Amino acid sequence: MRERAFHRLSAFRVHRENAREFELIFGPHGAWEALQARAPGFVRSELWRDAEDRTLYLTSDLWRSRQEFDAFRRRWGAEVVKLEESIARLGQLEMLLGQEQARKSVA
């Protein structure tokens, strides 16, 4: 039986003057996606910006399983902390919206 996929959603408030830098780090092919891609089980990362409030962003990270996500955090923890520290400079973590095991597995 395959493990269920793991999905993590977070919201961020970014200072207007830092929006471009935030998008370069957390957007497609950015440092956050590149770091996660080093680990087995990473599927994809997405970044959305609110259409009305241009300082509000949502990140979505999808993994094949919670176990693979947890292994990534253990293995690459120092690098994760460095990227998280950049958030403090660019804006702030508004909130972790949720972490969920999906009902279906991801190939």
PDB file of N, CA and C in Angstrom:
ATOM      1  N   MET A   1       0.835  -1.185   0.000  1.00  0.00           N
ATOM      2  CA  MET A   1       0.000   0.000   0.000  1.00  0.00           C
ATOM      3  C   MET A   1       0.882   1.252   0.000  1.00  0.00           C
ATOM      4  N   ARG A   2       0.564   2.209  -0.815  1.00  0.00           N
ATOM      5  CA  ARG A   2       1.333   3.444  -0.922  1.00  0.00           C
ATOM      6  C   ARG A   2       0.981   4.390   0.214  1.00  0.00           C
ATOM      7  N   GLU A   3       1.978   5.168   0.630  1.00  0.00           N
ATOM      8  CA  GLU A   3       1.732   6.181   1.648  1.00  0.00           C
ATOM      9  C   GLU A   3       0.924   7.318   1.032  1.00  0.00           C
ATOM     10  N   ARG A   4       0.177   7.988   1.885  1.00  0.00           N
ATOM     11  CA  ARG A   4      -0.624   9.110   1.403  1.00  0.00           C
ATOM     12  C   ARG A   4       0.231  10.359   1.265  1.00  0.00           C
ATOM     13  N   ALA A   5      -0.085  11.173   0.278  1.00  0.00           N
ATOM     14  CA  ALA A   5       0.653  12.405   0.024  1.00  0.00           C
ATOM     15  C   ALA A   5       0.507  13.373   1.197  1.00  0.00           C
ATOM     16  N   PHE A   6       1.487  14.263   1.326  1.00  0.00           N
ATOM     17  CA  PHE A   6       1.505  15.260   2.387  1.00  0.00           C
ATOM     18  C   PHE A   6       1.535  16.647   1.754  1.00  0.00           C
ATOM     19  N   HIS A   7       0.632  17.521   2.201  1.00  0.00           N
ATOM     20  CA  HIS A   7       0.487  18.855   1.649  1.00  0.00           C
ATOM     21  C   HIS A   7       0.634  19.869   2.783  1.00  0.00           C
ATOM     22  N   ARG A   8       1.430  20.909   2.554  1.00  0.00           N
ATOM     23  CA  ARG A   8       1.659  21.944   3.569  1.00  0.00           C
ATOM     24  C   ARG A   8       1.378  23.315   2.947  1.00  0.00           C
ATOM     25  N   LEU A   9       0.542  24.113   3.600  1.00  0.00           N
ATOM     26  CA  LEU A   9       0.168  25.444   3.119  1.00  0.00           C
ATOM     27  C   LEU A   9       0.553  26.496   4.156  1.00  0.00           C
ATOM     28  N   SER A  10       1.181  27.584   3.689  1.00  0.00           N
ATOM     29  CA  SER A  10       1.560  28.683   4.581  1.00  0.00           C
ATOM     30  C   SER A  10       1.227  30.012   3.920  1.00  0.00           C
ATOM     31  N   ALA A  11       0.892  31.002   4.749  1.00  0.00           N
ATOM     32  CA  ALA A  11       0.615  32.357   4.261  1.00  0.00           C
ATOM     33  C   ALA A  11       1.700  33.299   4.772  1.00  0.00           C
ATOM     34  N   PHE A  12       2.082  34.245   3.938  1.00  0.00           N
ATOM     35  CA  PHE A  12       3.129  35.204   4.274  1.00  0.00           C
ATOM     36  C   PHE A  12       2.673  36.620   3.944  1.00  0.00           C
ATOM     37  N   ARG A  13       3.084  37.548   4.781  1.00  0.00           N
ATOM     38  CA  ARG A  13       2.893  38.975   4.517  1.00  0.00           C
ATOM     39  C   ARG A  13       4.271  39.531   4.208  1.00  0.00           C
ATOM     40  N   VAL A  14       4.441  40.121   3.033  1.00  0.00           N
ATOM     41  CA  VAL A  14       5.747  40.591   2.567  1.00  0.00           C
ATOM     42  C   VAL A  14       5.710  42.109   2.394  1.00  0.00           C
ATOM     43  N   HIS A  15       6.766  42.771   2.837  1.00  0.00           N
ATOM     44  CA  HIS A  15       6.871  44.219   2.625  1.00  0.00           C
ATOM     45  C   HIS A  15       6.890  44.480   1.110  1.00  0.00           C
ATOM     46  N   ARG A  16       6.143  45.463   0.670  1.00  0.00           N
ATOM     47  CA  ARG A  16       6.029  45.746  -0.778  1.00  0.00           C
ATOM     48  C   ARG A  16       7.381  45.837  -1.470  1.00  0.00           C
ATOM     49  N   GLU A  17       8.319  46.500  -0.844  1.00  0.00           N
ATOM     50  CA  GLU A  17       9.629  46.694  -1.479  1.00  0.00           C
ATOM     51  C   GLU A  17      10.429  45.399  -1.582  1.00  0.00           C
ATOM     52  N   ASN A  18       9.980  44.350  -0.892  1.00  0.00           N
ATOM     53  CA  ASN A  18      10.687  43.067  -0.918  1.00  0.00           C
ATOM     54  C   ASN A  18       9.959  41.991  -1.731  1.00  0.00           C
ATOM     55  N   ALA A  19       8.880  42.364  -2.377  1.00  0.00           N
ATOM     56  CA  ALA A  19       8.055  41.371  -3.084  1.00  0.00           C
ATOM     57  C   ALA A  19       8.852  40.614  -4.148  1.00  0.00           C
ATOM     58  N   ARG A  20       9.617  41.305  -4.934  1.00  0.00           N
ATOM     59  CA  ARG A  20      10.367  40.648  -6.019  1.00  0.00           C
ATOM     60  C   ARG A  20      11.381  39.651  -5.463  1.00  0.00           C
ATOM     61  N   GLU A  21      12.101  40.047  -4.426  1.00  0.00           N
ATOM     62  CA  GLU A  21      13.087  39.146  -3.830  1.00  0.00           C
ATOM     63  C   GLU A  21      12.405  37.910  -3.227  1.00  0.00           C
ATOM     64  N   PHE A  22      11.278  38.123  -2.560  1.00  0.00           N
ATOM     65  CA  PHE A  22      10.523  37.006  -1.996  1.00  0.00           C
ATOM     66  C   PHE A  22      10.107  36.040  -3.111  1.00  0.00           C
ATOM     67  N   GLU A  23       9.614  36.570  -4.220  1.00  0.00           N
ATOM     68  CA  GLU A  23       9.196  35.736  -5.347  1.00  0.00           C
ATOM     69  C   GLU A  23      10.367  34.971  -5.954  1.00  0.00           C
ATOM     70  N   LEU A  24      11.541  35.581  -5.980  1.00  0.00           N
ATOM     71  CA  LEU A  24      12.718  34.888  -6.510  1.00  0.00           C
ATOM     72  C   LEU A  24      13.129  33.718  -5.617  1.00  0.00           C
ATOM     73  N   ILE A  25      12.963  33.870  -4.309  1.00  0.00           N
ATOM     74  CA  ILE A  25      13.335  32.800  -3.383  1.00  0.00           C
ATOM     75  C   ILE A  25      12.281  31.701  -3.341  1.00  0.00           C
ATOM     76  N   PHE A  26      11.023  32.081  -3.248  1.00  0.00           N
ATOM     77  CA  PHE A  26       9.954  31.101  -3.026  1.00  0.00           C
ATOM     78  C   PHE A  26       9.129  30.781  -4.270  1.00  0.00           C
ATOM     79  N   GLY A  27       9.404  31.443  -5.374  1.00  0.00           N
ATOM     80  CA  GLY A  27       8.678  31.194  -6.612  1.00  0.00           C
ATOM     81  C   GLY A  27       9.250  30.024  -7.395  1.00  0.00           C
ATOM     82  N   PRO A  28       8.728  29.814  -8.604  1.00  0.00           N
ATOM     83  CA  PRO A  28       9.194  28.711  -9.457  1.00  0.00           C
ATOM     84  C   PRO A  28      10.713  28.768  -9.670  1.00  0.00           C
ATOM     85  N   HIS A  29      11.358  27.644  -9.461  1.00  0.00           N
ATOM     86  CA  HIS A  29      12.802  27.483  -9.653  1.00  0.00           C
ATOM     87  C   HIS A  29      13.629  28.308  -8.669  1.00  0.00           C
ATOM     88  N   GLY A  30      13.008  28.778  -7.596  1.00  0.00           N
ATOM     89  CA  GLY A  30      13.712  29.560  -6.588  1.00  0.00           C
ATOM     90  C   GLY A  30      14.465  28.672  -5.616  1.00  0.00           C
ATOM     91  N   ALA A  31      15.113  29.318  -4.664  1.00  0.00           N
ATOM     92  CA  ALA A  31      15.937  28.597  -3.699  1.00  0.00           C
ATOM     93  C   ALA A  31      15.134  27.594  -2.874  1.00  0.00           C
ATOM     94  N   TRP A  32      13.901  27.937  -2.507  1.00  0.00           N
ATOM     95  CA  TRP A  32      13.084  27.024  -1.696  1.00  0.00           C
ATOM     96  C   TRP A  32      12.752  25.746  -2.465  1.00  0.00           C
ATOM     97  N   GLU A  33      12.328  25.896  -3.695  1.00  0.00           N
ATOM     98  CA  GLU A  33      12.024  24.724  -4.521  1.00  0.00           C
ATOM     99  C   GLU A  33      13.287  23.899  -4.779  1.00  0.00           C
ATOM    100  N   ALA A  34      14.397  24.564  -5.057  1.00  0.00           N
ATOM    101  CA  ALA A  34      15.651  23.858  -5.326  1.00  0.00           C
ATOM    102  C   ALA A  34      16.112  23.061  -4.106  1.00  0.00           C
ATOM    103  N   LEU A  35      15.949  23.640  -2.920  1.00  0.00           N
ATOM    104  CA  LEU A  35      16.336  22.928  -1.706  1.00  0.00           C
ATOM    105  C   LEU A  35      15.463  21.695  -1.501  1.00  0.00           C
ATOM    106  N   GLN A  36      14.172  21.841  -1.633  1.00  0.00           N
ATOM    107  CA  GLN A  36      13.272  20.700  -1.455  1.00  0.00           C
ATOM    108  C   GLN A  36      13.525  19.617  -2.504  1.00  0.00           C
ATOM    109  N   ALA A  37      13.858  20.036  -3.708  1.00  0.00           N
ATOM    110  CA  ALA A  37      14.065  19.087  -4.802  1.00  0.00           C
ATOM    111  C   ALA A  37      15.267  18.168  -4.554  1.00  0.00           C
ATOM    112  N   ARG A  38      16.134  18.505  -3.612  1.00  0.00           N
ATOM    113  CA  ARG A  38      17.264  17.637  -3.267  1.00  0.00           C
ATOM    114  C   ARG A  38      16.803  16.354  -2.573  1.00  0.00           C
ATOM    115  N   ALA A  39      15.621  16.399  -2.000  1.00  0.00           N
ATOM    116  CA  ALA A  39      15.152  15.298  -1.159  1.00  0.00           C
ATOM    117  C   ALA A  39      14.215  14.362  -1.904  1.00  0.00           C
ATOM    118  N   PRO A  40      14.340  13.061  -1.640  1.00  0.00           N
ATOM    119  CA  PRO A  40      13.388  12.105  -2.204  1.00  0.00           C
ATOM    120  C   PRO A  40      11.987  12.409  -1.683  1.00  0.00           C
ATOM    121  N   GLY A  41      11.018  12.275  -2.544  1.00  0.00           N
ATOM    122  CA  GLY A  41       9.638  12.445  -2.138  1.00  0.00           C
ATOM    123  C   GLY A  41       9.048  13.808  -2.429  1.00  0.00           C
ATOM    124  N   PHE A  42       9.884  14.785  -2.785  1.00  0.00           N
ATOM    125  CA  PHE A  42       9.358  16.111  -3.119  1.00  0.00           C
ATOM    126  C   PHE A  42       8.638  16.042  -4.458  1.00  0.00           C
ATOM    127  N   VAL A  43       7.431  16.597  -4.510  1.00  0.00           N
ATOM    128  CA  VAL A  43       6.636  16.595  -5.743  1.00  0.00           C
ATOM    129  C   VAL A  43       6.646  17.979  -6.390  1.00  0.00           C
ATOM    130  N   ARG A  44       6.212  19.003  -5.645  1.00  0.00           N
ATOM    131  CA  ARG A  44       6.206  20.360  -6.213  1.00  0.00           C
ATOM    132  C   ARG A  44       5.964  21.395  -5.122  1.00  0.00           C
ATOM    133  N   SER A  45       6.341  22.625  -5.463  1.00  0.00           N
ATOM    134  CA  SER A  45       6.102  23.781  -4.612  1.00  0.00           C
ATOM    135  C   SER A  45       5.468  24.855  -5.489  1.00  0.00           C
ATOM    136  N   GLU A  46       4.471  25.540  -4.942  1.00  0.00           N
ATOM    137  CA  GLU A  46       3.806  26.601  -5.696  1.00  0.00           C
ATOM    138  C   GLU A  46       3.731  27.856  -4.841  1.00  0.00           C
ATOM    139  N   LEU A  47       3.746  29.013  -5.503  1.00  0.00           N
ATOM    140  CA  LEU A  47       3.620  30.296  -4.832  1.00  0.00           C
ATOM    141  C   LEU A  47       2.505  31.078  -5.509  1.00  0.00           C
ATOM    142  N   TRP A  48       1.578  31.583  -4.692  1.00  0.00           N
ATOM    143  CA  TRP A  48       0.502  32.435  -5.202  1.00  0.00           C
ATOM    144  C   TRP A  48       0.532  33.767  -4.490  1.00  0.00           C
ATOM    145  N   ARG A  49       0.212  34.833  -5.227  1.00  0.00           N
ATOM    146  CA  ARG A  49       0.074  36.162  -4.629  1.00  0.00           C
ATOM    147  C   ARG A  49      -1.379  36.580  -4.759  1.00  0.00           C
ATOM    148  N   ASP A  50      -1.922  37.137  -3.697  1.00  0.00           N
ATOM    149  CA  ASP A  50      -3.314  37.573  -3.684  1.00  0.00           C
ATOM    150  C   ASP A  50      -3.531  38.648  -4.747  1.00  0.00           C
ATOM    151  N   ALA A  51      -4.632  38.567  -5.461  1.00  0.00           N
ATOM    152  CA  ALA A  51      -4.915  39.508  -6.544  1.00  0.00           C
ATOM    153  C   ALA A  51      -5.232  40.909  -6.035  1.00  0.00           C
ATOM    154  N   GLU A  52      -5.784  41.014  -4.843  1.00  0.00           N
ATOM    155  CA  GLU A  52      -6.146  42.327  -4.311  1.00  0.00           C
ATOM    156  C   GLU A  52      -5.113  42.859  -3.323  1.00  0.00           C
ATOM    157  N   ASP A  53      -4.632  42.016  -2.453  1.00  0.00           N
ATOM    158  CA  ASP A  53      -3.615  42.412  -1.472  1.00  0.00           C
ATOM    159  C   ASP A  53      -2.278  41.876  -1.961  1.00  0.00           C
ATOM    160  N   ARG A  54      -1.529  42.715  -2.648  1.00  0.00           N
ATOM    161  CA  ARG A  54      -0.296  42.285  -3.316  1.00  0.00           C
ATOM    162  C   ARG A  54       0.850  41.996  -2.353  1.00  0.00           C
ATOM    163  N   THR A  55       0.614  42.136  -1.049  1.00  0.00           N
ATOM    164  CA  THR A  55       1.639  41.792  -0.062  1.00  0.00           C
ATOM    165  C   THR A  55       1.368  40.433   0.583  1.00  0.00           C
ATOM    166  N   LEU A  56       0.289  39.784   0.208  1.00  0.00           N
ATOM    167  CA  LEU A  56      -0.106  38.508   0.802  1.00  0.00           C
ATOM    168  C   LEU A  56       0.190  37.363  -0.169  1.00  0.00           C
ATOM    169  N   TYR A  57       0.964  36.385   0.313  1.00  0.00           N
ATOM    170  CA  TYR A  57       1.359  35.234  -0.500  1.00  0.00           C
ATOM    171  C   TYR A  57       0.941  33.939   0.178  1.00  0.00           C
ATOM    172  N   LEU A  58       0.762  32.914  -0.622  1.00  0.00           N
ATOM    173  CA  LEU A  58       0.480  31.571  -0.143  1.00  0.00           C
ATOM    174  C   LEU A  58       1.478  30.622  -0.786  1.00  0.00           C
ATOM    175  N   THR A  59       2.129  29.784   0.032  1.00  0.00           N
ATOM    176  CA  THR A  59       2.995  28.736  -0.506  1.00  0.00           C
ATOM    177  C   THR A  59       2.325  27.392  -0.294  1.00  0.00           C
ATOM    178  N   SER A  60       2.519  26.520  -1.255  1.00  0.00           N
ATOM    179  CA  SER A  60       1.968  25.171  -1.205  1.00  0.00           C
ATOM    180  C   SER A  60       3.076  24.193  -1.565  1.00  0.00           C
ATOM    181  N   ASP A  61       3.369  23.273  -0.637  1.00  0.00           N
ATOM    182  CA  ASP A  61       4.409  22.269  -0.868  1.00  0.00           C
ATOM    183  C   ASP A  61       3.772  20.891  -0.817  1.00  0.00           C
ATOM    184  N   LEU A  62       4.032  20.086  -1.827  1.00  0.00           N
ATOM    185  CA  LEU A  62       3.457  18.754  -1.921  1.00  0.00           C
ATOM    186  C   LEU A  62       4.574  17.713  -1.901  1.00  0.00           C
ATOM    187  N   TRP A  63       4.394  16.713  -1.035  1.00  0.00           N
ATOM    188  CA  TRP A  63       5.346  15.613  -0.865  1.00  0.00           C
ATOM    189  C   TRP A  63       4.615  14.289  -1.027  1.00  0.00           C
ATOM    190  N   ARG A  64       5.347  13.247  -1.422  1.00  0.00           N
ATOM    191  CA  ARG A  64       4.722  11.924  -1.551  1.00  0.00           C
ATOM    192  C   ARG A  64       4.219  11.404  -0.219  1.00  0.00           C
ATOM    193  N   SER A  65       4.891  11.803   0.888  1.00  0.00           N
ATOM    194  CA  SER A  65       4.459  11.330   2.208  1.00  0.00           C
ATOM    195  C   SER A  65       4.955  12.266   3.298  1.00  0.00           C
ATOM    196  N   ARG A  66       4.323  12.201   4.447  1.00  0.00           N
ATOM    197  CA  ARG A  66       4.756  12.976   5.616  1.00  0.00           C
ATOM    198  C   ARG A  66       6.146  12.526   6.053  1.00  0.00           C
ATOM    199  N   GLN A  67       6.405  11.232   5.966  1.00  0.00           N
ATOM    200  CA  GLN A  67       7.703  10.706   6.373  1.00  0.00           C
ATOM    201  C   GLN A  67       8.832  11.301   5.529  1.00  0.00           C
ATOM    202  N   GLU A  68       8.612  11.450   4.230  1.00  0.00           N
ATOM    203  CA  GLU A  68       9.648  12.021   3.366  1.00  0.00           C
ATOM    204  C   GLU A  68       9.845  13.510   3.654  1.00  0.00           C
ATOM    205  N   PHE A  69       8.760  14.219   3.948  1.00  0.00           N
ATOM    206  CA  PHE A  69       8.873  15.626   4.338  1.00  0.00           C
ATOM    207  C   PHE A  69       9.673  15.755   5.635  1.00  0.00           C
ATOM    208  N   ASP A  70       9.336  14.930   6.622  1.00  0.00           N
ATOM    209  CA  ASP A  70      10.049  14.972   7.904  1.00  0.00           C
ATOM    210  C   ASP A  70      11.531  14.643   7.721  1.00  0.00           C
ATOM    211  N   ALA A  71      11.840  13.683   6.860  1.00  0.00           N
ATOM    212  CA  ALA A  71      13.238  13.331   6.587  1.00  0.00           C
ATOM    213  C   ALA A  71      13.967  14.506   5.942  1.00  0.00           C
ATOM    214  N   PHE A  72      13.301  15.212   5.042  1.00  0.00           N
ATOM    215  CA  PHE A  72      13.878  16.412   4.421  1.00  0.00           C
ATOM    216  C   PHE A  72      14.216  17.451   5.486  1.00  0.00           C
ATOM    217  N   ARG A  73      13.285  17.697   6.403  1.00  0.00           N
ATOM    218  CA  ARG A  73      13.510  18.699   7.449  1.00  0.00           C
ATOM    219  C   ARG A  73      14.688  18.299   8.351  1.00  0.00           C
ATOM    220  N   ARG A  74      14.813  17.023   8.627  1.00  0.00           N
ATOM    221  CA  ARG A  74      15.944  16.571   9.452  1.00  0.00           C
ATOM    222  C   ARG A  74      17.270  16.735   8.692  1.00  0.00           C
ATOM    223  N   ARG A  75      17.287  16.324   7.442  1.00  0.00           N
ATOM    224  CA  ARG A  75      18.524  16.323   6.648  1.00  0.00           C
ATOM    225  C   ARG A  75      18.971  17.733   6.275  1.00  0.00           C
ATOM    226  N   TRP A  76      18.044  18.593   5.894  1.00  0.00           N
ATOM    227  CA  TRP A  76      18.378  19.912   5.373  1.00  0.00           C
ATOM    228  C   TRP A  76      17.952  21.030   6.330  1.00  0.00           C
ATOM    229  N   GLY A  77      17.822  20.709   7.599  1.00  0.00           N
ATOM    230  CA  GLY A  77      17.318  21.658   8.594  1.00  0.00           C
ATOM    231  C   GLY A  77      18.054  22.985   8.644  1.00  0.00           C
ATOM    232  N   ALA A  78      19.384  22.960   8.585  1.00  0.00           N
ATOM    233  CA  ALA A  78      20.157  24.208   8.668  1.00  0.00           C
ATOM    234  C   ALA A  78      19.848  25.122   7.485  1.00  0.00           C
ATOM    235  N   GLU A  79      19.730  24.555   6.289  1.00  0.00           N
ATOM    236  CA  GLU A  79      19.418  25.347   5.100  1.00  0.00           C
ATOM    237  C   GLU A  79      17.992  25.872   5.164  1.00  0.00           C
ATOM    238  N   VAL A  80      17.076  25.072   5.702  1.00  0.00           N
ATOM    239  CA  VAL A  80      15.688  25.510   5.868  1.00  0.00           C
ATOM    240  C   VAL A  80      15.645  26.714   6.801  1.00  0.00           C
ATOM    241  N   VAL A  81      16.379  26.640   7.897  1.00  0.00           N
ATOM    242  CA  VAL A  81      16.409  27.746   8.858  1.00  0.00           C
ATOM    243  C   VAL A  81      16.925  29.021   8.191  1.00  0.00           C
ATOM    244  N   LYS A  82      17.942  28.921   7.353  1.00  0.00           N
ATOM    245  CA  LYS A  82      18.474  30.103   6.657  1.00  0.00           C
ATOM    246  C   LYS A  82      17.399  30.755   5.780  1.00  0.00           C
ATOM    247  N   LEU A  83      16.649  29.940   5.057  1.00  0.00           N
ATOM    248  CA  LEU A  83      15.582  30.493   4.218  1.00  0.00           C
ATOM    249  C   LEU A  83      14.463  31.074   5.074  1.00  0.00           C
ATOM    250  N   GLU A  84      14.152  30.426   6.171  1.00  0.00           N
ATOM    251  CA  GLU A  84      13.124  30.952   7.068  1.00  0.00           C
ATOM    252  C   GLU A  84      13.559  32.285   7.668  1.00  0.00           C
ATOM    253  N   GLU A  85      14.844  32.434   7.931  1.00  0.00           N
ATOM    254  CA  GLU A  85      15.358  33.708   8.444  1.00  0.00           C
ATOM    255  C   GLU A  85      15.218  34.818   7.409  1.00  0.00           C
ATOM    256  N   SER A  86      15.307  34.473   6.136  1.00  0.00           N
ATOM    257  CA  SER A  86      15.119  35.490   5.101  1.00  0.00           C
ATOM    258  C   SER A  86      13.686  36.022   5.113  1.00  0.00           C
ATOM    259  N   ILE A  87      12.749  35.209   5.563  1.00  0.00           N
ATOM    260  CA  ILE A  87      11.362  35.663   5.651  1.00  0.00           C
ATOM    261  C   ILE A  87      11.265  36.818   6.654  1.00  0.00           C
ATOM    262  N   ALA A  88      11.976  36.729   7.766  1.00  0.00           N
ATOM    263  CA  ALA A  88      11.946  37.788   8.773  1.00  0.00           C
ATOM    264  C   ALA A  88      12.438  39.110   8.190  1.00  0.00           C
ATOM    265  N   ARG A  89      13.380  39.027   7.272  1.00  0.00           N
ATOM    266  CA  ARG A  89      13.914  40.234   6.635  1.00  0.00           C
ATOM    267  C   ARG A  89      12.967  40.784   5.572  1.00  0.00           C
ATOM    268  N   LEU A  90      12.274  39.886   4.867  1.00  0.00           N
ATOM    269  CA  LEU A  90      11.422  40.287   3.752  1.00  0.00           C
ATOM    270  C   LEU A  90       9.977  40.563   4.160  1.00  0.00           C
ATOM    271  N   GLY A  91       9.579  40.000   5.263  1.00  0.00           N
ATOM    272  CA  GLY A  91       8.198  40.128   5.712  1.00  0.00           C
ATOM    273  C   GLY A  91       8.014  39.269   6.941  1.00  0.00           C
ATOM    274  N   GLN A  92       6.930  38.513   6.979  1.00  0.00           N
ATOM    275  CA  GLN A  92       6.696  37.631   8.122  1.00  0.00           C
ATOM    276  C   GLN A  92       5.802  36.472   7.729  1.00  0.00           C
ATOM    277  N   LEU A  93       5.957  35.384   8.484  1.00  0.00           N
ATOM    278  CA  LEU A  93       5.053  34.260   8.310  1.00  0.00           C
ATOM    279  C   LEU A  93       3.739  34.661   8.936  1.00  0.00           C
ATOM    280  N   GLU A  94       2.720  34.774   8.142  1.00  0.00           N
ATOM    281  CA  GLU A  94       1.405  35.140   8.641  1.00  0.00           C
ATOM    282  C   GLU A  94       0.838  33.990   9.455  1.00  0.00           C
ATOM    283  N   MET A  95       0.869  32.776   8.846  1.00  0.00           N
ATOM    284  CA  MET A  95       0.426  31.589   9.576  1.00  0.00           C
ATOM    285  C   MET A  95       0.642  30.335   8.733  1.00  0.00           C
ATOM    286  N   LEU A  96       0.841  29.251   9.439  1.00  0.00           N
ATOM    287  CA  LEU A  96       0.826  27.943   8.798  1.00  0.00           C
ATOM    288  C   LEU A  96      -0.641  27.593   8.673  1.00  0.00           C
ATOM    289  N   LEU A  97      -1.140  27.493   7.461  1.00  0.00           N
ATOM    290  CA  LEU A  97      -2.566  27.266   7.237  1.00  0.00           C
ATOM    291  C   LEU A  97      -2.963  25.817   7.447  1.00  0.00           C
ATOM    292  N   GLY A  98      -2.041  24.914   7.233  1.00  0.00           N
ATOM    293  CA  GLY A  98      -2.368  23.524   7.466  1.00  0.00           C
ATOM    294  C   GLY A  98      -1.362  22.568   6.880  1.00  0.00           C
ATOM    295  N   GLN A  99      -1.392  21.383   7.438  1.00  0.00           N
ATOM    296  CA  GLN A  99      -0.595  20.264   6.957  1.00  0.00           C
ATOM    297  C   GLN A  99      -1.550  19.088   6.938  1.00  0.00           C
ATOM    298  N   GLU A 100      -1.603  18.384   5.814  1.00  0.00           N
ATOM    299  CA  GLU A 100      -2.596  17.332   5.721  1.00  0.00           C
ATOM    300  C   GLU A 100      -2.077  16.158   4.914  1.00  0.00           C
ATOM    301  N   GLN A 101      -2.416  14.974   5.377  1.00  0.00           N
ATOM    302  CA  GLN A 101      -2.189  13.760   4.597  1.00  0.00           C
ATOM    303  C   GLN A 101      -3.341  13.671   3.606  1.00  0.00           C
ATOM    304  N   ALA A 102      -3.024  13.631   2.342  1.00  0.00           N
ATOM    305  CA  ALA A 102      -4.060  13.524   1.309  1.00  0.00           C
ATOM    306  C   ALA A 102      -4.697  12.131   1.315  1.00  0.00           C
ATOM    307  N   ARG A 103      -5.888  12.063   0.822  1.00  0.00           N
ATOM    308  CA  ARG A 103      -6.592  10.782   0.770  1.00  0.00           C
ATOM    309  C   ARG A 103      -6.016   9.867  -0.305  1.00  0.00           C
ATOM    310  N   LYS A 104      -5.392  10.459  -1.318  1.00  0.00           N
ATOM    311  CA  LYS A 104      -4.839   9.670  -2.418  1.00  0.00           C
ATOM    312  C   LYS A 104      -3.326   9.794  -2.424  1.00  0.00           C
ATOM    313  N   SER A 105      -2.673   8.779  -2.913  1.00  0.00           N
ATOM    314  CA  SER A 105      -1.219   8.826  -3.032  1.00  0.00           C
ATOM    315  C   SER A 105      -0.822   9.640  -4.253  1.00  0.00           C
ATOM    316  N   VAL A 106       0.422  10.085  -4.263  1.00  0.00           N
ATOM    317  CA  VAL A 106       0.982  10.836  -5.379  1.00  0.00           C
ATOM    318  C   VAL A 106       2.068   9.979  -5.996  1.00  0.00           C
ATOM    319  N   ALA A 107       2.072   9.890  -7.302  1.00  0.00           N
ATOM    320  CA  ALA A 107       3.066   9.070  -7.991  1.00  0.00           C
ATOM    321  C   ALA A 107       4.433   9.678  -7.883  1.00  0.00           C
TER     322      ALA A 107
END
